[in-house]
Amino acid sequence: QGHFDINELFTRKLKKAFKAYSFNPVSVNKDLEAIFNKVWEEKKAF
């Protein structure tokens, strides 16, 4: 259950990071993927 809760914790961190993102229509796909990958790597380490 702790692993599932950690997953939710990093889901919230991803939401926070996406909300802080300065929207750029030219690079939005790449930018959000990079944000996701960074948060995912942090989650795996956690």
ModelCIF file with pLDDT and N, C-alpha, C, O atoms, coordinates in Angstrom:
data_MODEL
#
_entry.id   MODEL 
#
_entity.id                         1 
_entity.type                       polymer 
_entity.pdbx_number_of_molecules   1 
#
_entity_poly.entity_id                      1 
_entity_poly.type                           'polypeptide(L)' 
_entity_poly.nstd_linkage                   no 
_entity_poly.nstd_monomer                   no 
_entity_poly.pdbx_seq_one_letter_code       QGHFDINELFTRKLKKAFKAYSFNPVSVNKDLEAIFNKVWEEKKAF 
_entity_poly.pdbx_seq_one_letter_code_can   QGHFDINELFTRKLKKAFKAYSFNPVSVNKDLEAIFNKVWEEKKAF 
_entity_poly.pdbx_strand_id                 A 
#
loop_
_entity_poly_seq.entity_id 
_entity_poly_seq.num 
_entity_poly_seq.mon_id 
_entity_poly_seq.hetero 
1 1  GLN n 
1 2  GLY n 
1 3  HIS n 
1 4  PHE n 
1 5  ASP n 
1 6  ILE n 
1 7  ASN n 
1 8  GLU n 
1 9  LEU n 
1 10 PHE n 
1 11 THR n 
1 12 ARG n 
1 13 LYS n 
1 14 LEU n 
1 15 LYS n 
1 16 LYS n 
1 17 ALA n 
1 18 PHE n 
1 19 LYS n 
1 20 ALA n 
1 21 TYR n 
1 22 SER n 
1 23 PHE n 
1 24 ASN n 
1 25 PRO n 
1 26 VAL n 
1 27 SER n 
1 28 VAL n 
1 29 ASN n 
1 30 LYS n 
1 31 ASP n 
1 32 LEU n 
1 33 GLU n 
1 34 ALA n 
1 35 ILE n 
1 36 PHE n 
1 37 ASN n 
1 38 LYS n 
1 39 VAL n 
1 40 TRP n 
1 41 GLU n 
1 42 GLU n 
1 43 LYS n 
1 44 LYS n 
1 45 ALA n 
1 46 PHE n 
#
_struct_asym.id          A 
_struct_asym.entity_id   1 
#
loop_
_ma_qa_metric.id 
_ma_qa_metric.mode 
_ma_qa_metric.name 
_ma_qa_metric.software_group_id 
_ma_qa_metric.type 
1 global pLDDT . pLDDT 
2 local  pLDDT . pLDDT 
#
_ma_qa_metric_global.metric_id      1 
_ma_qa_metric_global.metric_value   97.33 
_ma_qa_metric_global.model_id       1 
_ma_qa_metric_global.ordinal_id     1 
#
loop_
_ma_qa_metric_local.label_asym_id 
_ma_qa_metric_local.label_comp_id 
_ma_qa_metric_local.label_seq_id 
_ma_qa_metric_local.metric_id 
_ma_qa_metric_local.metric_value 
_ma_qa_metric_local.model_id 
_ma_qa_metric_local.ordinal_id 
A GLN 1  2 98.00 1 1  
A GLY 2  2 98.00 1 2  
A HIS 3  2 98.00 1 3  
A PHE 4  2 98.00 1 4  
A ASP 5  2 98.00 1 5  
A ILE 6  2 98.00 1 6  
A ASN 7  2 98.00 1 7  
A GLU 8  2 98.00 1 8  
A LEU 9  2 98.00 1 9  
A PHE 10 2 98.00 1 10 
A THR 11 2 98.00 1 11 
A ARG 12 2 98.00 1 12 
A LYS 13 2 98.00 1 13 
A LEU 14 2 98.00 1 14 
A LYS 15 2 98.00 1 15 
A LYS 16 2 98.00 1 16 
A ALA 17 2 98.00 1 17 
A PHE 18 2 98.00 1 18 
A LYS 19 2 97.00 1 19 
A ALA 20 2 97.00 1 20 
A TYR 21 2 97.00 1 21 
A SER 22 2 95.00 1 22 
A PHE 23 2 94.00 1 23 
A ASN 24 2 94.00 1 24 
A PRO 25 2 92.00 1 25 
A VAL 26 2 93.00 1 26 
A SER 27 2 96.00 1 27 
A VAL 28 2 96.00 1 28 
A ASN 29 2 96.00 1 29 
A LYS 30 2 98.00 1 30 
A ASP 31 2 98.00 1 31 
A LEU 32 2 98.00 1 32 
A GLU 33 2 98.00 1 33 
A ALA 34 2 98.00 1 34 
A ILE 35 2 98.00 1 35 
A PHE 36 2 98.00 1 36 
A ASN 37 2 98.00 1 37 
A LYS 38 2 98.00 1 38 
A VAL 39 2 98.00 1 39 
A TRP 40 2 98.00 1 40 
A GLU 41 2 98.00 1 41 
A GLU 42 2 98.00 1 42 
A LYS 43 2 98.00 1 43 
A LYS 44 2 98.00 1 44 
A ALA 45 2 98.00 1 45 
A PHE 46 2 98.00 1 46 
#
loop_
_atom_site.group_PDB 
_atom_site.id 
_atom_site.type_symbol 
_atom_site.label_atom_id 
_atom_site.label_alt_id 
_atom_site.label_comp_id 
_atom_site.label_asym_id 
_atom_site.label_entity_id 
_atom_site.label_seq_id 
_atom_site.pdbx_PDB_ins_code 
_atom_site.Cartn_x 
_atom_site.Cartn_y 
_atom_site.Cartn_z 
_atom_site.occupancy 
_atom_site.B_iso_or_equiv 
_atom_site.pdbx_formal_charge 
_atom_site.auth_seq_id 
_atom_site.auth_comp_id 
_atom_site.auth_asym_id 
_atom_site.auth_atom_id 
_atom_site.pdbx_PDB_model_num 
ATOM 1   N N  . GLN A 1 1  ? 0.846  -1.191 0.000   1.00 98.00 ? 1  GLN A N  1 
ATOM 2   C CA . GLN A 1 1  ? 0.000  0.000  0.000   1.00 98.00 ? 1  GLN A CA 1 
ATOM 3   C C  . GLN A 1 1  ? 0.883  1.243  0.000   1.00 98.00 ? 1  GLN A C  1 
ATOM 4   O O  . GLN A 1 1  ? 0.554  2.245  -0.635  1.00 98.00 ? 1  GLN A O  1 
ATOM 5   N N  . GLY A 1 2  ? 2.003  1.173  0.713   1.00 98.00 ? 2  GLY A N  1 
ATOM 6   C CA . GLY A 1 2  ? 2.955  2.281  0.730   1.00 98.00 ? 2  GLY A CA 1 
ATOM 7   C C  . GLY A 1 2  ? 3.467  2.604  -0.659  1.00 98.00 ? 2  GLY A C  1 
ATOM 8   O O  . GLY A 1 2  ? 3.622  3.775  -1.006  1.00 98.00 ? 2  GLY A O  1 
ATOM 9   N N  . HIS A 1 3  ? 3.734  1.576  -1.464  1.00 98.00 ? 3  HIS A N  1 
ATOM 10  C CA . HIS A 1 3  ? 4.179  1.820  -2.841  1.00 98.00 ? 3  HIS A CA 1 
ATOM 11  C C  . HIS A 1 3  ? 3.086  2.524  -3.646  1.00 98.00 ? 3  HIS A C  1 
ATOM 12  O O  . HIS A 1 3  ? 3.371  3.422  -4.438  1.00 98.00 ? 3  HIS A O  1 
ATOM 13  N N  . PHE A 1 4  ? 1.843  2.114  -3.439  1.00 98.00 ? 4  PHE A N  1 
ATOM 14  C CA . PHE A 1 4  ? 0.719  2.757  -4.146  1.00 98.00 ? 4  PHE A CA 1 
ATOM 15  C C  . PHE A 1 4  ? 0.565  4.202  -3.666  1.00 98.00 ? 4  PHE A C  1 
ATOM 16  O O  . PHE A 1 4  ? 0.291  5.096  -4.466  1.00 98.00 ? 4  PHE A O  1 
ATOM 17  N N  . ASP A 1 5  ? 0.739  4.429  -2.375  1.00 98.00 ? 5  ASP A N  1 
ATOM 18  C CA . ASP A 1 5  ? 0.658  5.786  -1.831  1.00 98.00 ? 5  ASP A CA 1 
ATOM 19  C C  . ASP A 1 5  ? 1.806  6.659  -2.349  1.00 98.00 ? 5  ASP A C  1 
ATOM 20  O O  . ASP A 1 5  ? 1.609  7.843  -2.627  1.00 98.00 ? 5  ASP A O  1 
ATOM 21  N N  . ILE A 1 6  ? 2.997  6.079  -2.479  1.00 98.00 ? 6  ILE A N  1 
ATOM 22  C CA . ILE A 1 6  ? 4.131  6.806  -3.061  1.00 98.00 ? 6  ILE A CA 1 
ATOM 23  C C  . ILE A 1 6  ? 3.806  7.183  -4.502  1.00 98.00 ? 6  ILE A C  1 
ATOM 24  O O  . ILE A 1 6  ? 4.125  8.283  -4.953  1.00 98.00 ? 6  ILE A O  1 
ATOM 25  N N  . ASN A 1 7  ? 3.178  6.272  -5.208  1.00 98.00 ? 7  ASN A N  1 
ATOM 26  C CA . ASN A 1 7  ? 2.775  6.557  -6.588  1.00 98.00 ? 7  ASN A CA 1 
ATOM 27  C C  . ASN A 1 7  ? 1.838  7.768  -6.627  1.00 98.00 ? 7  ASN A C  1 
ATOM 28  O O  . ASN A 1 7  ? 1.981  8.637  -7.486  1.00 98.00 ? 7  ASN A O  1 
ATOM 29  N N  . GLU A 1 8  ? 0.889  7.822  -5.703  1.00 98.00 ? 8  GLU A N  1 
ATOM 30  C CA . GLU A 1 8  ? -0.018 8.969  -5.617  1.00 98.00 ? 8  GLU A CA 1 
ATOM 31  C C  . GLU A 1 8  ? 0.741  10.236 -5.240  1.00 98.00 ? 8  GLU A C  1 
ATOM 32  O O  . GLU A 1 8  ? 0.461  11.310 -5.774  1.00 98.00 ? 8  GLU A O  1 
ATOM 33  N N  . LEU A 1 9  ? 1.688  10.118 -4.335  1.00 98.00 ? 9  LEU A N  1 
ATOM 34  C CA . LEU A 1 9  ? 2.501  11.273 -3.940  1.00 98.00 ? 9  LEU A CA 1 
ATOM 35  C C  . LEU A 1 9  ? 3.184  11.886 -5.163  1.00 98.00 ? 9  LEU A C  1 
ATOM 36  O O  . LEU A 1 9  ? 3.180  13.106 -5.331  1.00 98.00 ? 9  LEU A O  1 
ATOM 37  N N  . PHE A 1 10 ? 3.765  11.049 -6.008  1.00 98.00 ? 10 PHE A N  1 
ATOM 38  C CA . PHE A 1 10 ? 4.456  11.573 -7.183  1.00 98.00 ? 10 PHE A CA 1 
ATOM 39  C C  . PHE A 1 10 ? 3.487  11.977 -8.285  1.00 98.00 ? 10 PHE A C  1 
ATOM 40  O O  . PHE A 1 10 ? 3.833  12.786 -9.146  1.00 98.00 ? 10 PHE A O  1 
ATOM 41  N N  . THR A 1 11 ? 2.284  11.427 -8.269  1.00 98.00 ? 11 THR A N  1 
ATOM 42  C CA . THR A 1 11 ? 1.238  11.914 -9.170  1.00 98.00 ? 11 THR A CA 1 
ATOM 43  C C  . THR A 1 11 ? 0.911  13.364 -8.820  1.00 98.00 ? 11 THR A C  1 
ATOM 44  O O  . THR A 1 11 ? 0.756  14.205 -9.706  1.00 98.00 ? 11 THR A O  1 
ATOM 45  N N  . ARG A 1 12 ? 0.809  13.647 -7.530  1.00 98.00 ? 12 ARG A N  1 
ATOM 46  C CA . ARG A 1 12 ? 0.550  15.014 -7.085  1.00 98.00 ? 12 ARG A CA 1 
ATOM 47  C C  . ARG A 1 12 ? 1.720  15.943 -7.420  1.00 98.00 ? 12 ARG A C  1 
ATOM 48  O O  . ARG A 1 12 ? 1.512  17.096 -7.798  1.00 98.00 ? 12 ARG A O  1 
ATOM 49  N N  . LYS A 1 13 ? 2.939  15.440 -7.282  1.00 98.00 ? 13 LYS A N  1 
ATOM 50  C CA . LYS A 1 13 ? 4.114  16.244 -7.647  1.00 98.00 ? 13 LYS A CA 1 
ATOM 51  C C  . LYS A 1 13 ? 4.097  16.549 -9.141  1.00 98.00 ? 13 LYS A C  1 
ATOM 52  O O  . LYS A 1 13 ? 4.478  17.642 -9.559  1.00 98.00 ? 13 LYS A O  1 
ATOM 53  N N  . LEU A 1 14 ? 3.658  15.588 -9.942  1.00 98.00 ? 14 LEU A N  1 
ATOM 54  C CA . LEU A 1 14 ? 3.560  15.812 -11.378 1.00 98.00 ? 14 LEU A CA 1 
ATOM 55  C C  . LEU A 1 14 ? 2.491  16.866 -11.681 1.00 98.00 ? 14 LEU A C  1 
ATOM 56  O O  . LEU A 1 14 ? 2.706  17.743 -12.518 1.00 98.00 ? 14 LEU A O  1 
ATOM 57  N N  . LYS A 1 15 ? 1.350  16.785 -11.008 1.00 98.00 ? 15 LYS A N  1 
ATOM 58  C CA . LYS A 1 15 ? 0.306  17.806 -11.193 1.00 98.00 ? 15 LYS A CA 1 
ATOM 59  C C  . LYS A 1 15 ? 0.832  19.188 -10.844 1.00 98.00 ? 15 LYS A C  1 
ATOM 60  O O  . LYS A 1 15 ? 0.571  20.157 -11.557 1.00 98.00 ? 15 LYS A O  1 
ATOM 61  N N  . LYS A 1 16 ? 1.562  19.277 -9.762  1.00 98.00 ? 16 LYS A N  1 
ATOM 62  C CA . LYS A 1 16 ? 2.140  20.552 -9.336  1.00 98.00 ? 16 LYS A CA 1 
ATOM 63  C C  . LYS A 1 16 ? 3.112  21.077 -10.400 1.00 98.00 ? 16 LYS A C  1 
ATOM 64  O O  . LYS A 1 16 ? 3.085  22.258 -10.747 1.00 98.00 ? 16 LYS A O  1 
ATOM 65  N N  . ALA A 1 17 ? 3.961  20.197 -10.907 1.00 98.00 ? 17 ALA A N  1 
ATOM 66  C CA . ALA A 1 17 ? 4.931  20.604 -11.929 1.00 98.00 ? 17 ALA A CA 1 
ATOM 67  C C  . ALA A 1 17 ? 4.235  21.009 -13.224 1.00 98.00 ? 17 ALA A C  1 
ATOM 68  O O  . ALA A 1 17 ? 4.645  21.979 -13.862 1.00 98.00 ? 17 ALA A O  1 
ATOM 69  N N  . PHE A 1 18 ? 3.195  20.287 -13.622 1.00 98.00 ? 18 PHE A N  1 
ATOM 70  C CA . PHE A 1 18 ? 2.451  20.652 -14.830 1.00 98.00 ? 18 PHE A CA 1 
ATOM 71  C C  . PHE A 1 18 ? 1.768  22.006 -14.656 1.00 98.00 ? 18 PHE A C  1 
ATOM 72  O O  . PHE A 1 18 ? 1.738  22.812 -15.586 1.00 98.00 ? 18 PHE A O  1 
ATOM 73  N N  . LYS A 1 19 ? 1.218  22.257 -13.466 1.00 97.00 ? 19 LYS A N  1 
ATOM 74  C CA . LYS A 1 19 ? 0.559  23.546 -13.218 1.00 97.00 ? 19 LYS A CA 1 
ATOM 75  C C  . LYS A 1 19 ? 1.558  24.698 -13.257 1.00 97.00 ? 19 LYS A C  1 
ATOM 76  O O  . LYS A 1 19 ? 1.204  25.813 -13.641 1.00 97.00 ? 19 LYS A O  1 
ATOM 77  N N  . ALA A 1 20 ? 2.794  24.438 -12.866 1.00 97.00 ? 20 ALA A N  1 
ATOM 78  C CA . ALA A 1 20 ? 3.824  25.480 -12.864 1.00 97.00 ? 20 ALA A CA 1 
ATOM 79  C C  . ALA A 1 20 ? 4.444  25.683 -14.255 1.00 97.00 ? 20 ALA A C  1 
ATOM 80  O O  . ALA A 1 20 ? 5.169  26.652 -14.479 1.00 97.00 ? 20 ALA A O  1 
ATOM 81  N N  . TYR A 1 21 ? 4.162  24.787 -15.161 1.00 97.00 ? 21 TYR A N  1 
ATOM 82  C CA . TYR A 1 21 ? 4.743  24.840 -16.506 1.00 97.00 ? 21 TYR A CA 1 
ATOM 83  C C  . TYR A 1 21 ? 4.285  26.089 -17.260 1.00 97.00 ? 21 TYR A C  1 
ATOM 84  O O  . TYR A 1 21 ? 3.098  26.413 -17.287 1.00 97.00 ? 21 TYR A O  1 
ATOM 85  N N  . SER A 1 22 ? 5.227  26.769 -17.860 1.00 95.00 ? 22 SER A N  1 
ATOM 86  C CA . SER A 1 22 ? 4.913  27.924 -18.720 1.00 95.00 ? 22 SER A CA 1 
ATOM 87  C C  . SER A 1 22 ? 4.612  27.384 -20.117 1.00 95.00 ? 22 SER A C  1 
ATOM 88  O O  . SER A 1 22 ? 5.505  26.937 -20.837 1.00 95.00 ? 22 SER A O  1 
ATOM 89  N N  . PHE A 1 23 ? 3.362  27.437 -20.469 1.00 94.00 ? 23 PHE A N  1 
ATOM 90  C CA . PHE A 1 23 ? 2.872  26.833 -21.708 1.00 94.00 ? 23 PHE A CA 1 
ATOM 91  C C  . PHE A 1 23 ? 3.589  27.388 -22.940 1.00 94.00 ? 23 PHE A C  1 
ATOM 92  O O  . PHE A 1 23 ? 3.675  28.598 -23.145 1.00 94.00 ? 23 PHE A O  1 
ATOM 93  N N  . ASN A 1 24 ? 4.098  26.460 -23.748 1.00 94.00 ? 24 ASN A N  1 
ATOM 94  C CA . ASN A 1 24 ? 4.721  26.795 -25.018 1.00 94.00 ? 24 ASN A CA 1 
ATOM 95  C C  . ASN A 1 24 ? 4.155  25.845 -26.065 1.00 94.00 ? 24 ASN A C  1 
ATOM 96  O O  . ASN A 1 24 ? 4.528  24.672 -26.081 1.00 94.00 ? 24 ASN A O  1 
ATOM 97  N N  . PRO A 1 25 ? 3.267  26.312 -26.939 1.00 92.00 ? 25 PRO A N  1 
ATOM 98  C CA . PRO A 1 25 ? 2.615  25.406 -27.901 1.00 92.00 ? 25 PRO A CA 1 
ATOM 99  C C  . PRO A 1 25 ? 3.589  24.734 -28.873 1.00 92.00 ? 25 PRO A C  1 
ATOM 100 O O  . PRO A 1 25 ? 3.281  23.678 -29.425 1.00 92.00 ? 25 PRO A O  1 
ATOM 101 N N  . VAL A 1 26 ? 4.734  25.327 -29.079 1.00 93.00 ? 26 VAL A N  1 
ATOM 102 C CA . VAL A 1 26 ? 5.715  24.753 -30.004 1.00 93.00 ? 26 VAL A CA 1 
ATOM 103 C C  . VAL A 1 26 ? 6.378  23.508 -29.408 1.00 93.00 ? 26 VAL A C  1 
ATOM 104 O O  . VAL A 1 26 ? 6.671  22.553 -30.127 1.00 93.00 ? 26 VAL A O  1 
ATOM 105 N N  . SER A 1 27 ? 6.611  23.522 -28.108 1.00 96.00 ? 27 SER A N  1 
ATOM 106 C CA . SER A 1 27 ? 7.365  22.417 -27.488 1.00 96.00 ? 27 SER A CA 1 
ATOM 107 C C  . SER A 1 27 ? 6.604  21.698 -26.378 1.00 96.00 ? 27 SER A C  1 
ATOM 108 O O  . SER A 1 27 ? 7.209  20.965 -25.596 1.00 96.00 ? 27 SER A O  1 
ATOM 109 N N  . VAL A 1 28 ? 5.297  21.894 -26.296 1.00 96.00 ? 28 VAL A N  1 
ATOM 110 C CA . VAL A 1 28 ? 4.515  21.357 -25.185 1.00 96.00 ? 28 VAL A CA 1 
ATOM 111 C C  . VAL A 1 28 ? 4.678  19.849 -25.025 1.00 96.00 ? 28 VAL A C  1 
ATOM 112 O O  . VAL A 1 28 ? 4.841  19.367 -23.904 1.00 96.00 ? 28 VAL A O  1 
ATOM 113 N N  . ASN A 1 29 ? 4.637  19.099 -26.118 1.00 96.00 ? 29 ASN A N  1 
ATOM 114 C CA . ASN A 1 29 ? 4.767  17.634 -26.025 1.00 96.00 ? 29 ASN A CA 1 
ATOM 115 C C  . ASN A 1 29 ? 6.091  17.253 -25.384 1.00 96.00 ? 29 ASN A C  1 
ATOM 116 O O  . ASN A 1 29 ? 6.126  16.469 -24.435 1.00 96.00 ? 29 ASN A O  1 
ATOM 117 N N  . LYS A 1 30 ? 7.165  17.802 -25.896 1.00 98.00 ? 30 LYS A N  1 
ATOM 118 C CA . LYS A 1 30 ? 8.509  17.497 -25.402 1.00 98.00 ? 30 LYS A CA 1 
ATOM 119 C C  . LYS A 1 30 ? 8.685  17.992 -23.966 1.00 98.00 ? 30 LYS A C  1 
ATOM 120 O O  . LYS A 1 30 ? 9.286  17.307 -23.139 1.00 98.00 ? 30 LYS A O  1 
ATOM 121 N N  . ASP A 1 31 ? 8.167  19.166 -23.677 1.00 98.00 ? 31 ASP A N  1 
ATOM 122 C CA . ASP A 1 31 ? 8.311  19.746 -22.339 1.00 98.00 ? 31 ASP A CA 1 
ATOM 123 C C  . ASP A 1 31 ? 7.607  18.899 -21.279 1.00 98.00 ? 31 ASP A C  1 
ATOM 124 O O  . ASP A 1 31 ? 8.187  18.596 -20.237 1.00 98.00 ? 31 ASP A O  1 
ATOM 125 N N  . LEU A 1 32 ? 6.353  18.516 -21.547 1.00 98.00 ? 32 LEU A N  1 
ATOM 126 C CA . LEU A 1 32 ? 5.605  17.721 -20.571 1.00 98.00 ? 32 LEU A CA 1 
ATOM 127 C C  . LEU A 1 32 ? 6.212  16.328 -20.414 1.00 98.00 ? 32 LEU A C  1 
ATOM 128 O O  . LEU A 1 32 ? 6.229  15.776 -19.314 1.00 98.00 ? 32 LEU A O  1 
ATOM 129 N N  . GLU A 1 33 ? 6.705  15.770 -21.501 1.00 98.00 ? 33 GLU A N  1 
ATOM 130 C CA . GLU A 1 33 ? 7.367  14.466 -21.409 1.00 98.00 ? 33 GLU A CA 1 
ATOM 131 C C  . GLU A 1 33 ? 8.623  14.563 -20.537 1.00 98.00 ? 33 GLU A C  1 
ATOM 132 O O  . GLU A 1 33 ? 8.897  13.668 -19.737 1.00 98.00 ? 33 GLU A O  1 
ATOM 133 N N  . ALA A 1 34 ? 9.372  15.635 -20.692 1.00 98.00 ? 34 ALA A N  1 
ATOM 134 C CA . ALA A 1 34 ? 10.587 15.828 -19.878 1.00 98.00 ? 34 ALA A CA 1 
ATOM 135 C C  . ALA A 1 34 ? 10.223 16.000 -18.405 1.00 98.00 ? 34 ALA A C  1 
ATOM 136 O O  . ALA A 1 34 ? 10.900 15.459 -17.530 1.00 98.00 ? 34 ALA A O  1 
ATOM 137 N N  . ILE A 1 35 ? 9.167  16.743 -18.132 1.00 98.00 ? 35 ILE A N  1 
ATOM 138 C CA . ILE A 1 35 ? 8.711  16.919 -16.742 1.00 98.00 ? 35 ILE A CA 1 
ATOM 139 C C  . ILE A 1 35 ? 8.303  15.565 -16.174 1.00 98.00 ? 35 ILE A C  1 
ATOM 140 O O  . ILE A 1 35 ? 8.694  15.208 -15.063 1.00 98.00 ? 35 ILE A O  1 
ATOM 141 N N  . PHE A 1 36 ? 7.516  14.816 -16.940 1.00 98.00 ? 36 PHE A N  1 
ATOM 142 C CA . PHE A 1 36 ? 7.074  13.495 -16.493 1.00 98.00 ? 36 PHE A CA 1 
ATOM 143 C C  . PHE A 1 36 ? 8.281  12.595 -16.201 1.00 98.00 ? 36 PHE A C  1 
ATOM 144 O O  . PHE A 1 36 ? 8.345  11.966 -15.144 1.00 98.00 ? 36 PHE A O  1 
ATOM 145 N N  . ASN A 1 37 ? 9.230  12.536 -17.133 1.00 98.00 ? 37 ASN A N  1 
ATOM 146 C CA . ASN A 1 37 ? 10.399 11.665 -16.964 1.00 98.00 ? 37 ASN A CA 1 
ATOM 147 C C  . ASN A 1 37 ? 11.197 12.035 -15.716 1.00 98.00 ? 37 ASN A C  1 
ATOM 148 O O  . ASN A 1 37 ? 11.683 11.151 -15.011 1.00 98.00 ? 37 ASN A O  1 
ATOM 149 N N  . LYS A 1 38 ? 11.337 13.318 -15.440 1.00 98.00 ? 38 LYS A N  1 
ATOM 150 C CA . LYS A 1 38 ? 12.060 13.768 -14.245 1.00 98.00 ? 38 LYS A CA 1 
ATOM 151 C C  . LYS A 1 38 ? 11.333 13.302 -12.978 1.00 98.00 ? 38 LYS A C  1 
ATOM 152 O O  . LYS A 1 38 ? 11.958 12.758 -12.066 1.00 98.00 ? 38 LYS A O  1 
ATOM 153 N N  . VAL A 1 39 ? 10.030 13.513 -12.925 1.00 98.00 ? 39 VAL A N  1 
ATOM 154 C CA . VAL A 1 39 ? 9.240  13.101 -11.758 1.00 98.00 ? 39 VAL A CA 1 
ATOM 155 C C  . VAL A 1 39 ? 9.264  11.578 -11.625 1.00 98.00 ? 39 VAL A C  1 
ATOM 156 O O  . VAL A 1 39 ? 9.372  11.063 -10.512 1.00 98.00 ? 39 VAL A O  1 
ATOM 157 N N  . TRP A 1 40 ? 9.166  10.854 -12.731 1.00 98.00 ? 40 TRP A N  1 
ATOM 158 C CA . TRP A 1 40 ? 9.172  9.386  -12.698 1.00 98.00 ? 40 TRP A CA 1 
ATOM 159 C C  . TRP A 1 40 ? 10.497 8.859  -12.150 1.00 98.00 ? 40 TRP A C  1 
ATOM 160 O O  . TRP A 1 40 ? 10.503 7.919  -11.356 1.00 98.00 ? 40 TRP A O  1 
ATOM 161 N N  . GLU A 1 41 ? 11.609 9.446  -12.561 1.00 98.00 ? 41 GLU A N  1 
ATOM 162 C CA . GLU A 1 41 ? 12.916 9.030  -12.051 1.00 98.00 ? 41 GLU A CA 1 
ATOM 163 C C  . GLU A 1 41 ? 13.021 9.301  -10.549 1.00 98.00 ? 41 GLU A C  1 
ATOM 164 O O  . GLU A 1 41 ? 13.584 8.495  -9.807  1.00 98.00 ? 41 GLU A O  1 
ATOM 165 N N  . GLU A 1 42 ? 12.480 10.436 -10.105 1.00 98.00 ? 42 GLU A N  1 
ATOM 166 C CA . GLU A 1 42 ? 12.464 10.744 -8.668  1.00 98.00 ? 42 GLU A CA 1 
ATOM 167 C C  . GLU A 1 42 ? 11.620 9.726  -7.915  1.00 98.00 ? 42 GLU A C  1 
ATOM 168 O O  . GLU A 1 42 ? 11.983 9.304  -6.817  1.00 98.00 ? 42 GLU A O  1 
ATOM 169 N N  . LYS A 1 43 ? 10.505 9.335  -8.499  1.00 98.00 ? 43 LYS A N  1 
ATOM 170 C CA . LYS A 1 43 ? 9.620  8.336  -7.876  1.00 98.00 ? 43 LYS A CA 1 
ATOM 171 C C  . LYS A 1 43 ? 10.332 6.988  -7.746  1.00 98.00 ? 43 LYS A C  1 
ATOM 172 O O  . LYS A 1 43 ? 10.250 6.336  -6.705  1.00 98.00 ? 43 LYS A O  1 
ATOM 173 N N  . LYS A 1 44 ? 11.026 6.578  -8.799  1.00 98.00 ? 44 LYS A N  1 
ATOM 174 C CA . LYS A 1 44 ? 11.744 5.296  -8.757  1.00 98.00 ? 44 LYS A CA 1 
ATOM 175 C C  . LYS A 1 44 ? 12.817 5.310  -7.668  1.00 98.00 ? 44 LYS A C  1 
ATOM 176 O O  . LYS A 1 44 ? 12.990 4.320  -6.957  1.00 98.00 ? 44 LYS A O  1 
ATOM 177 N N  . ALA A 1 45 ? 13.529 6.414  -7.535  1.00 98.00 ? 45 ALA A N  1 
ATOM 178 C CA . ALA A 1 45 ? 14.560 6.525  -6.499  1.00 98.00 ? 45 ALA A CA 1 
ATOM 179 C C  . ALA A 1 45 ? 13.924 6.499  -5.108  1.00 98.00 ? 45 ALA A C  1 
ATOM 180 O O  . ALA A 1 45 ? 14.461 5.879  -4.189  1.00 98.00 ? 45 ALA A O  1 
ATOM 181 N N  . PHE A 1 46 ? 12.788 7.167  -4.956  1.00 98.00 ? 46 PHE A N  1 
ATOM 182 C CA . PHE A 1 46 ? 12.069 7.210  -3.681  1.00 98.00 ? 46 PHE A CA 1 
ATOM 183 C C  . PHE A 1 46 ? 11.585 5.809  -3.310  1.00 98.00 ? 46 PHE A C  1 
ATOM 184 O O  . PHE A 1 46 ? 10.955 5.630  -2.268  1.00 98.00 ? 46 PHE A O  1 
#
